[in-house]
């Protein structure tokens, strides 16, 4: 990779995280009704607000295929992974089993288009400031 040192800083700001979807209405129902994310606007894309992060669902044109295989996922912080999984299962959303990882526990699930999402429960660190400020999975009560 060629390095350039123009000295000029790029003026970048965050816009959104998005997933391509084949059926916008089905996906809106999944994210709004299944996961409890607030739908904040809808024009040619559907936008949700997740703790100040804009999550967009972008429709694929008919006959299109999602480009590439991707490796990104939306990861939700939760305070009680088992309880959150029970609530998702009660809503008909299937998930993986809980997997123990260094620093916490994780479980995976998919949206209607097969996009991978995950739930992460941070391991409690003794004496440390709370790492997850908004740990309740929105809308799952």
Protein backbone atom coordinates (compact mmCIF):
# COMPACT_ATOMS: atom_id res chain seq x y z
CA UNK A 1 0.00 0.00 0.00
CA UNK A 2 1.41 3.35 -0.99
CA UNK A 3 1.61 5.92 1.77
CA UNK A 4 0.88 9.57 1.18
CA UNK A 5 1.69 12.31 3.60
CA UNK A 6 -0.24 15.29 2.35
CA UNK A 7 -0.57 16.58 5.88
CA UNK A 8 -4.22 17.40 5.27
CA UNK A 9 -6.52 15.74 7.75
CA UNK A 10 -9.63 14.15 6.30
CA UNK A 11 -12.78 15.74 7.66
CA UNK A 12 -14.81 12.59 8.35
CA UNK A 13 -17.88 12.21 10.50
CA UNK A 14 -20.05 9.23 11.29
CA UNK A 15 -23.14 8.73 9.12
CA UNK A 16 -24.74 5.31 9.68
CA UNK A 17 -24.39 1.56 9.88
CA UNK A 18 -26.54 -0.17 7.29
CA UNK A 19 -27.69 -3.53 6.04
CA UNK A 20 -29.05 -4.31 2.59
CA UNK A 21 -32.45 -6.00 2.84
CA UNK A 22 -34.70 -7.70 0.31
CA UNK A 23 -38.04 -6.97 2.02
CA UNK A 24 -38.06 -3.60 3.77
CA UNK A 25 -41.44 -4.11 5.48
CA UNK A 26 -40.43 -7.51 6.90
CA UNK A 27 -37.12 -6.05 8.09
CA UNK A 28 -38.79 -3.01 9.67
CA UNK A 29 -41.09 -5.35 11.59
CA UNK A 30 -38.08 -7.42 12.75
CA UNK A 31 -36.02 -4.45 13.97
CA UNK A 32 -38.94 -2.37 15.31
CA UNK A 33 -41.30 -5.02 16.69
CA UNK A 34 -38.94 -7.93 17.29
CA UNK A 35 -35.98 -5.99 18.68
CA UNK A 36 -37.74 -2.84 19.88
CA UNK A 37 -35.56 -0.32 18.01
CA UNK A 38 -37.29 3.02 17.44
CA UNK A 39 -37.98 3.76 13.77
CA UNK A 40 -37.01 7.43 13.37
CA UNK A 41 -37.59 8.01 9.66
CA UNK A 42 -38.62 6.29 6.48
CA UNK A 43 -38.15 7.37 2.87
CA UNK A 44 -36.19 5.22 0.42
CA UNK A 45 -34.45 3.67 3.48
CA UNK A 46 -35.68 2.91 7.01
CA UNK A 47 -33.71 4.51 9.86
CA UNK A 48 -33.54 3.43 13.48
CA UNK A 49 -31.84 5.16 16.40
CA UNK A 50 -29.80 2.90 18.66
CA UNK A 51 -28.31 5.01 21.45
CA UNK A 52 -27.48 7.80 19.01
CA UNK A 53 -26.20 5.47 16.27
CA UNK A 54 -28.19 5.53 13.06
CA UNK A 55 -28.97 2.01 11.79
CA UNK A 56 -30.35 1.99 8.24
CA UNK A 57 -32.10 -0.71 6.23
CA UNK A 58 -31.41 -0.17 2.54
CA UNK A 59 -33.54 -2.02 -0.04
CA UNK A 60 -31.80 -4.01 -2.73
CA UNK A 61 -33.09 -3.41 -6.24
CA UNK A 62 -35.10 -6.42 -7.51
CA UNK A 63 -32.82 -9.17 -8.79
CA UNK A 64 -29.75 -7.81 -7.00
CA UNK A 65 -27.46 -9.83 -4.79
CA UNK A 66 -25.77 -8.40 -1.71
CA UNK A 67 -22.19 -7.68 -2.82
CA UNK A 68 -19.43 -9.62 -1.07
CA UNK A 69 -19.76 -11.86 1.94
CA UNK A 70 -19.07 -9.21 4.57
CA UNK A 71 -17.94 -9.84 8.09
CA UNK A 72 -19.49 -6.98 10.05
CA UNK A 73 -22.28 -7.47 12.53
CA UNK A 74 -24.44 -5.31 14.73
CA UNK A 75 -23.64 -6.13 18.36
CA UNK A 76 -26.05 -5.16 21.16
CA UNK A 77 -24.83 -4.77 24.76
CA UNK A 78 -27.11 -6.43 27.34
CA UNK A 79 -26.90 -6.73 31.12
CA UNK A 80 -28.42 -10.24 31.31
CA UNK A 81 -27.83 -12.36 28.23
CA UNK A 82 -29.92 -15.35 29.34
CA UNK A 83 -32.94 -13.16 30.12
CA UNK A 84 -32.63 -11.31 26.81
CA UNK A 85 -32.42 -14.60 24.89
CA UNK A 86 -35.54 -15.86 26.67
CA UNK A 87 -37.39 -12.70 25.61
CA UNK A 88 -36.23 -12.99 22.00
CA UNK A 89 -37.25 -16.66 21.91
CA UNK A 90 -40.70 -15.68 23.23
CA UNK A 91 -40.96 -13.31 20.24
CA UNK A 92 -40.12 -16.13 17.85
CA UNK A 93 -36.52 -15.02 17.20
CA UNK A 94 -34.08 -17.93 17.18
CA UNK A 95 -30.55 -17.52 18.53
CA UNK A 96 -27.38 -19.50 19.03
CA UNK A 97 -26.50 -20.90 22.41
CA UNK A 98 -24.51 -18.69 24.77
CA UNK A 99 -20.77 -18.83 24.12
CA UNK A 100 -18.27 -17.88 26.82
CA UNK A 101 -15.56 -15.57 25.51
CA UNK A 102 -12.71 -13.69 27.11
CA UNK A 103 -14.33 -10.71 28.80
CA UNK A 104 -17.93 -11.88 28.61
CA UNK A 105 -20.61 -13.99 26.96
CA UNK A 106 -22.07 -13.73 23.45
CA UNK A 107 -24.95 -15.17 21.42
CA UNK A 108 -25.76 -14.73 17.74
CA UNK A 109 -28.91 -14.43 15.65
CA UNK A 110 -29.90 -13.30 12.15
CA UNK A 111 -32.35 -10.85 10.68
CA UNK A 112 -34.78 -11.89 7.89
CA UNK A 113 -32.04 -11.40 5.24
CA UNK A 114 -29.48 -13.46 7.13
CA UNK A 115 -27.47 -10.48 8.41
CA UNK A 116 -25.69 -11.54 11.57
CA UNK A 117 -26.39 -9.76 14.85
CA UNK A 118 -25.11 -10.52 18.32
CA UNK A 119 -25.81 -9.92 21.99
CA UNK A 120 -22.88 -9.29 24.33
CA UNK A 121 -22.86 -9.45 28.13
CA UNK A 122 -19.72 -7.81 29.48
CA UNK A 123 -17.98 -9.71 32.27
CA UNK A 124 -18.13 -7.75 35.52
CA UNK A 125 -14.74 -6.27 36.31
CA UNK A 126 -14.17 -5.82 40.03
CA UNK A 127 -13.64 -2.19 40.95
CA UNK A 128 -13.87 -1.01 37.34
CA UNK A 129 -16.22 1.70 36.15
CA UNK A 130 -19.27 0.21 34.43
CA UNK A 131 -18.32 -0.43 30.82
CA UNK A 132 -21.80 -0.82 29.41
CA UNK A 133 -23.83 2.34 30.05
CA UNK A 134 -26.96 1.36 28.18
CA UNK A 135 -27.10 -2.32 28.97
CA UNK A 136 -30.82 -2.91 28.72
CA UNK A 137 -31.77 -4.31 25.34
CA UNK A 138 -34.18 -1.66 24.07
CA UNK A 139 -37.81 -2.67 23.91
CA UNK A 140 -37.25 -6.11 25.42
CA UNK A 141 -39.00 -6.04 28.76
